[in-house]
Amino acid sequence: MTLTTVAPLSAADTAAIRTSGDQFCTLVVRQEFEALGGLYTEDTVLMPPHQPAVHGRAAVRTWMAAFPQITQFEFEIDEIDGRVDLAYMRGRYSMTFRPEGASAPVSDRGKFIEIRKRQVDGSWLIAADIFNSDNA
């Protein structure tokens, strides 16, 4: 078996992925679910904690719209790596949200991995997304 050399991510690709991540945070807090869904591929898979996987862009939009309103959302990127057509972003998040009927907001911290695929137009959409809380 022969391994072929695949071009690594360029600095421009890494910057585009980072910018898309920043946009994600902004859209979550603004509850702009249509635009947020546009950051995912049509056949994406979202894997939230303690729930079944969510398949497809439309289902991800619906899942996000049903999540309690997030009032604060930030993440730290620990690593972006990949190749010219496929990349991943790994990091940590923090968020504050108020579940329905709760008397006080809930704060959460955790980690995530996104797998991104380069699209024909050069954008990097999320093909798989998993996150989980550091809280018990």
C-alpha atoms as a PDB file:
ATOM      1  CA  MET A   1       0.000   0.000   0.000  1.00  0.00           C
ATOM      2  CA  THR A   2       1.310   3.437  -0.925  1.00  0.00           C
ATOM      3  CA  LEU A   3       0.467   6.540   1.046  1.00  0.00           C
ATOM      4  CA  THR A   4      -0.188   9.588  -1.057  1.00  0.00           C
ATOM      5  CA  THR A   5       0.755  13.000   0.144  1.00  0.00           C
ATOM      6  CA  VAL A   6      -2.213  15.279   0.693  1.00  0.00           C
ATOM      7  CA  ALA A   7      -1.786  19.025   0.924  1.00  0.00           C
ATOM      8  CA  PRO A   8      -2.197  20.359   4.469  1.00  0.00           C
ATOM      9  CA  LEU A   9      -4.532  23.166   5.425  1.00  0.00           C
ATOM     10  CA  SER A  10      -3.333  26.557   4.324  1.00  0.00           C
ATOM     11  CA  ALA A  11      -3.194  29.545   6.672  1.00  0.00           C
ATOM     12  CA  ALA A  12      -6.189  30.954   4.756  1.00  0.00           C
ATOM     13  CA  ASP A  13      -8.167  27.727   5.356  1.00  0.00           C
ATOM     14  CA  THR A  14      -7.362  27.798   9.061  1.00  0.00           C
ATOM     15  CA  ALA A  15      -8.411  31.458   9.258  1.00  0.00           C
ATOM     16  CA  ALA A  16     -11.683  30.709   7.412  1.00  0.00           C
ATOM     17  CA  ILE A  17     -12.510  27.869   9.822  1.00  0.00           C
ATOM     18  CA  ARG A  18     -11.711  30.093  12.806  1.00  0.00           C
ATOM     19  CA  THR A  19     -13.916  32.892  11.410  1.00  0.00           C
ATOM     20  CA  SER A  20     -16.768  30.443  10.853  1.00  0.00           C
ATOM     21  CA  GLY A  21     -16.429  29.348  14.486  1.00  0.00           C
ATOM     22  CA  ASP A  22     -16.666  32.958  15.658  1.00  0.00           C
ATOM     23  CA  GLN A  23     -19.751  33.404  13.479  1.00  0.00           C
ATOM     24  CA  PHE A  24     -21.267  30.287  15.069  1.00  0.00           C
ATOM     25  CA  CYS A  25     -21.022  31.844  18.556  1.00  0.00           C
ATOM     26  CA  THR A  26     -22.671  35.060  17.407  1.00  0.00           C
ATOM     27  CA  LEU A  27     -25.522  33.271  15.628  1.00  0.00           C
ATOM     28  CA  VAL A  28     -26.233  31.028  18.636  1.00  0.00           C
ATOM     29  CA  VAL A  29     -26.712  33.977  21.003  1.00  0.00           C
ATOM     30  CA  ARG A  30     -28.783  35.885  18.421  1.00  0.00           C
ATOM     31  CA  GLN A  31     -30.947  32.773  17.861  1.00  0.00           C
ATOM     32  CA  GLU A  32     -30.474  33.041  14.096  1.00  0.00           C
ATOM     33  CA  PHE A  33     -31.191  29.381  13.470  1.00  0.00           C
ATOM     34  CA  GLU A  34     -31.611  29.619   9.691  1.00  0.00           C
ATOM     35  CA  ALA A  35     -28.145  31.163   9.300  1.00  0.00           C
ATOM     36  CA  LEU A  36     -26.733  28.813  11.936  1.00  0.00           C
ATOM     37  CA  GLY A  37     -28.017  25.798  10.018  1.00  0.00           C
ATOM     38  CA  GLY A  38     -26.240  27.161   6.962  1.00  0.00           C
ATOM     39  CA  LEU A  39     -22.918  26.453   8.678  1.00  0.00           C
ATOM     40  CA  TYR A  40     -23.696  22.707   8.458  1.00  0.00           C
ATOM     41  CA  THR A  41     -23.658  20.345   5.468  1.00  0.00           C
ATOM     42  CA  GLU A  42     -26.999  18.970   4.269  1.00  0.00           C
ATOM     43  CA  ASP A  43     -26.084  15.513   5.605  1.00  0.00           C
ATOM     44  CA  THR A  44     -24.516  16.701   8.860  1.00  0.00           C
ATOM     45  CA  VAL A  45     -24.689  14.800  12.135  1.00  0.00           C
ATOM     46  CA  LEU A  46     -24.965  16.645  15.470  1.00  0.00           C
ATOM     47  CA  MET A  47     -24.210  14.521  18.540  1.00  0.00           C
ATOM     48  CA  PRO A  48     -25.453  16.356  21.649  1.00  0.00           C
ATOM     49  CA  PRO A  49     -24.947  14.914  25.129  1.00  0.00           C
ATOM     50  CA  HIS A  50     -27.553  12.543  26.582  1.00  0.00           C
ATOM     51  CA  GLN A  51     -29.608  12.524  23.362  1.00  0.00           C
ATOM     52  CA  PRO A  52     -29.724  10.618  20.090  1.00  0.00           C
ATOM     53  CA  ALA A  53     -27.771  11.954  17.141  1.00  0.00           C
ATOM     54  CA  VAL A  54     -29.511  14.592  15.024  1.00  0.00           C
ATOM     55  CA  HIS A  55     -29.221  13.908  11.283  1.00  0.00           C
ATOM     56  CA  GLY A  56     -29.438  16.549   8.557  1.00  0.00           C
ATOM     57  CA  ARG A  57     -29.304  20.335   8.384  1.00  0.00           C
ATOM     58  CA  ALA A  58     -33.061  20.839   8.814  1.00  0.00           C
ATOM     59  CA  ALA A  59     -33.154  18.608  11.896  1.00  0.00           C
ATOM     60  CA  VAL A  60     -30.181  20.480  13.395  1.00  0.00           C
ATOM     61  CA  ARG A  61     -32.026  23.785  12.934  1.00  0.00           C
ATOM     62  CA  THR A  62     -35.081  22.325  14.673  1.00  0.00           C
ATOM     63  CA  TRP A  63     -32.974  20.927  17.529  1.00  0.00           C
ATOM     64  CA  MET A  64     -31.219  24.256  18.042  1.00  0.00           C
ATOM     65  CA  ALA A  65     -34.476  26.213  18.015  1.00  0.00           C
ATOM     66  CA  ALA A  66     -35.836  23.910  20.743  1.00  0.00           C
ATOM     67  CA  PHE A  67     -32.757  24.330  22.979  1.00  0.00           C
ATOM     68  CA  PRO A  68     -33.260  26.802  25.851  1.00  0.00           C
ATOM     69  CA  GLN A  69     -32.215  30.341  24.977  1.00  0.00           C
ATOM     70  CA  ILE A  70     -28.466  30.769  25.304  1.00  0.00           C
ATOM     71  CA  THR A  71     -27.519  34.179  26.682  1.00  0.00           C
ATOM     72  CA  GLN A  72     -23.759  33.718  26.678  1.00  0.00           C
ATOM     73  CA  PHE A  73     -21.674  31.433  24.471  1.00  0.00           C
ATOM     74  CA  GLU A  74     -17.924  31.380  23.962  1.00  0.00           C
ATOM     75  CA  PHE A  75     -15.348  28.865  22.918  1.00  0.00           C
ATOM     76  CA  GLU A  76     -11.609  28.478  22.908  1.00  0.00           C
ATOM     77  CA  ILE A  77     -10.043  26.693  19.984  1.00  0.00           C
ATOM     78  CA  ASP A  78      -7.319  24.275  21.026  1.00  0.00           C
ATOM     79  CA  GLU A  79      -6.529  22.894  17.590  1.00  0.00           C
ATOM     80  CA  ILE A  80      -7.422  23.218  13.929  1.00  0.00           C
ATOM     81  CA  ASP A  81      -5.846  20.691  11.599  1.00  0.00           C
ATOM     82  CA  GLY A  82      -6.589  18.704   8.506  1.00  0.00           C
ATOM     83  CA  ARG A  83      -5.923  18.648   4.818  1.00  0.00           C
ATOM     84  CA  VAL A  84      -7.074  20.564   1.796  1.00  0.00           C
ATOM     85  CA  ASP A  85     -10.586  18.983   1.756  1.00  0.00           C
ATOM     86  CA  LEU A  86     -11.251  17.833   5.335  1.00  0.00           C
ATOM     87  CA  ALA A  87     -10.465  19.468   8.675  1.00  0.00           C
ATOM     88  CA  TYR A  88     -11.310  19.337  12.337  1.00  0.00           C
ATOM     89  CA  MET A  89     -11.580  21.908  15.074  1.00  0.00           C
ATOM     90  CA  ARG A  90     -11.215  20.882  18.715  1.00  0.00           C
ATOM     91  CA  GLY A  91     -11.755  23.078  21.739  1.00  0.00           C
ATOM     92  CA  ARG A  92     -13.661  24.071  24.849  1.00  0.00           C
ATOM     93  CA  TYR A  93     -16.886  26.012  25.311  1.00  0.00           C
ATOM     94  CA  SER A  94     -18.764  27.868  28.008  1.00  0.00           C
ATOM     95  CA  MET A  95     -22.381  28.926  27.893  1.00  0.00           C
ATOM     96  CA  THR A  96     -25.197  30.232  30.033  1.00  0.00           C
ATOM     97  CA  PHE A  97     -28.822  29.354  29.341  1.00  0.00           C
ATOM     98  CA  ARG A  98     -32.137  29.316  31.139  1.00  0.00           C
ATOM     99  CA  PRO A  99     -34.121  26.076  30.868  1.00  0.00           C
ATOM    100  CA  GLU A 100     -37.891  26.485  30.714  1.00  0.00           C
ATOM    101  CA  GLY A 101     -39.321  26.800  34.206  1.00  0.00           C
ATOM    102  CA  ALA A 102     -35.911  27.265  35.837  1.00  0.00           C
ATOM    103  CA  SER A 103     -35.614  29.928  38.504  1.00  0.00           C
ATOM    104  CA  ALA A 104     -32.032  30.763  37.598  1.00  0.00           C
ATOM    105  CA  PRO A 105     -29.732  30.533  34.589  1.00  0.00           C
ATOM    106  CA  VAL A 106     -27.526  27.473  34.173  1.00  0.00           C
ATOM    107  CA  SER A 107     -23.834  27.712  33.337  1.00  0.00           C
ATOM    108  CA  ASP A 108     -22.080  24.940  31.463  1.00  0.00           C
ATOM    109  CA  ARG A 109     -18.518  24.254  30.368  1.00  0.00           C
ATOM    110  CA  GLY A 110     -17.369  21.449  28.126  1.00  0.00           C
ATOM    111  CA  LYS A 111     -15.491  20.388  25.041  1.00  0.00           C
ATOM    112  CA  PHE A 112     -16.272  19.866  21.374  1.00  0.00           C
ATOM    113  CA  ILE A 113     -14.977  18.506  18.095  1.00  0.00           C
ATOM    114  CA  GLU A 114     -16.236  19.605  14.689  1.00  0.00           C
ATOM    115  CA  ILE A 115     -15.343  17.844  11.466  1.00  0.00           C
ATOM    116  CA  ARG A 116     -15.547  20.202   8.513  1.00  0.00           C
ATOM    117  CA  LYS A 117     -15.640  19.564   4.784  1.00  0.00           C
ATOM    118  CA  ARG A 118     -14.515  22.038   2.158  1.00  0.00           C
ATOM    119  CA  GLN A 119     -17.335  22.913  -0.221  1.00  0.00           C
ATOM    120  CA  VAL A 120     -17.080  23.699  -3.933  1.00  0.00           C
ATOM    121  CA  ASP A 121     -17.269  27.422  -3.124  1.00  0.00           C
ATOM    122  CA  GLY A 122     -14.286  27.085  -0.742  1.00  0.00           C
ATOM    123  CA  SER A 123     -16.328  27.377   2.474  1.00  0.00           C
ATOM    124  CA  TRP A 124     -15.828  24.933   5.348  1.00  0.00           C
ATOM    125  CA  LEU A 125     -19.142  23.480   6.557  1.00  0.00           C
ATOM    126  CA  ILE A 126     -19.632  21.301   9.622  1.00  0.00           C
ATOM    127  CA  ALA A 127     -20.177  17.655   8.661  1.00  0.00           C
ATOM    128  CA  ALA A 128     -20.094  16.254  12.211  1.00  0.00           C
ATOM    129  CA  ASP A 129     -20.371  18.058  15.522  1.00  0.00           C
ATOM    130  CA  ILE A 130     -20.123  16.593  19.009  1.00  0.00           C
ATOM    131  CA  PHE A 131     -20.023  18.354  22.342  1.00  0.00           C
ATOM    132  CA  ASN A 132     -20.294  17.306  25.941  1.00  0.00           C
ATOM    133  CA  SER A 133     -20.327  18.958  29.326  1.00  0.00           C
ATOM    134  CA  ASP A 134     -17.622  18.837  31.936  1.00  0.00           C
ATOM    135  CA  ASN A 135     -20.394  19.012  34.564  1.00  0.00           C
ATOM    136  CA  ALA A 136     -21.726  15.861  36.179  1.00  0.00           C
END
